[in-house]
Protein backbone atom coordinates (compact mmCIF):
# COMPACT_ATOMS: atom_id res chain seq x y z
CA UNK A 1 -26.44 -32.45 -10.29
CA UNK A 2 -26.67 -30.64 -7.24
CA UNK A 3 -28.11 -26.66 -7.85
CA UNK A 4 -26.32 -24.06 -5.74
CA UNK A 5 -27.26 -20.80 -5.10
CA UNK A 6 -25.17 -17.58 -6.21
CA UNK A 7 -25.58 -15.54 -2.34
CA UNK A 8 -23.34 -12.93 -1.24
CA UNK A 9 -21.33 -12.48 1.27
CA UNK A 10 -22.88 -10.80 4.46
CA UNK A 11 -21.96 -7.36 5.01
CA UNK A 12 -19.70 -7.92 8.01
CA UNK A 13 -17.62 -10.62 6.25
CA UNK A 14 -17.07 -7.61 3.50
CA UNK A 15 -16.07 -5.28 6.06
CA UNK A 16 -13.55 -7.02 7.60
CA UNK A 17 -9.74 -7.14 5.98
CA UNK A 18 -11.33 -4.99 2.91
CA UNK A 19 -9.06 -2.15 3.32
CA UNK A 20 -6.61 -1.95 0.49
CA UNK A 21 -3.06 -0.22 0.38
CA UNK A 22 -2.08 2.24 -2.62
CA UNK A 23 0.80 3.81 -3.94
CA UNK A 24 -0.24 6.75 -5.71
CA UNK A 25 2.12 9.12 -7.80
CA UNK A 26 1.51 12.52 -8.46
CA UNK A 27 -1.47 12.92 -5.47
CA UNK A 28 -0.53 16.59 -5.38
CA UNK A 29 -3.59 17.27 -8.25
CA UNK A 30 -6.19 16.10 -10.92
CA UNK A 31 -6.74 12.18 -11.03
CA UNK A 32 -3.83 11.20 -8.73
CA UNK A 33 -5.30 13.72 -5.84
CA UNK A 34 -9.00 12.78 -6.40
CA UNK A 35 -7.89 8.76 -5.89
CA UNK A 36 -5.56 9.62 -3.18
CA UNK A 37 -8.56 11.45 -1.38
CA UNK A 38 -11.12 8.65 -2.25
CA UNK A 39 -9.07 5.70 -1.21
CA UNK A 40 -8.27 7.44 2.35
CA UNK A 41 -11.87 8.20 2.54
CA UNK A 42 -12.73 4.82 2.42
CA UNK A 43 -10.21 4.01 5.30
CA UNK A 44 -7.45 2.27 2.79
CA UNK A 45 -3.64 2.78 3.32
CA UNK A 46 -1.65 5.34 0.91
CA UNK A 47 1.59 6.32 -0.33
CA UNK A 48 1.48 9.01 -2.22
CA UNK A 49 4.16 11.01 -3.83
CA UNK A 50 4.58 14.27 -5.38
CA UNK A 51 7.45 16.81 -6.47
CA UNK A 52 7.18 18.65 -3.73
CA UNK A 53 6.09 17.75 -0.15
CA UNK A 54 4.34 20.35 0.65
CA UNK A 55 1.34 20.18 -1.89
CA UNK A 56 0.85 16.97 -0.07
CA UNK A 57 1.54 17.69 3.61
CA UNK A 58 -2.74 18.36 4.30
CA UNK A 59 -3.02 14.71 3.37
CA UNK A 60 -0.62 13.71 6.31
CA UNK A 61 -1.95 16.10 8.63
CA UNK A 62 -5.62 14.74 8.06
CA UNK A 63 -5.29 11.04 7.40
CA UNK A 64 -2.59 10.84 9.62
CA UNK A 65 -0.95 7.36 9.65
CA UNK A 66 -3.03 6.01 7.06
CA UNK A 67 -0.87 8.07 4.45
CA UNK A 68 2.51 8.15 3.86
CA UNK A 69 4.18 10.99 2.24
CA UNK A 70 7.05 10.98 -0.23
CA UNK A 71 8.67 13.82 -2.56
CA UNK A 72 9.56 12.36 -5.91
CA UNK A 73 10.55 14.28 -8.60
CA UNK A 74 11.48 12.21 -11.74
CA UNK A 75 12.73 15.33 -13.76
CA UNK A 76 15.57 16.05 -11.20
CA UNK A 77 18.33 13.37 -11.86
CA UNK A 78 19.85 13.66 -8.46
């Protein structure tokens, strides 16, 4: 029987390709906003929706091409 030690990957290996892509609805406030900010601060990419673009426009201004903002209102049938 061969015993292998469990060793964690090096920090540099974890840093490479660790960015994620998120799609968060209701990113204008509450938990959605907190999650959106946290994802962007760690360098992840984000698709963020809100009923009104003006409520999430600051994310695009602050994080640039890492965020795609979309107006999406489920209460409007049009």
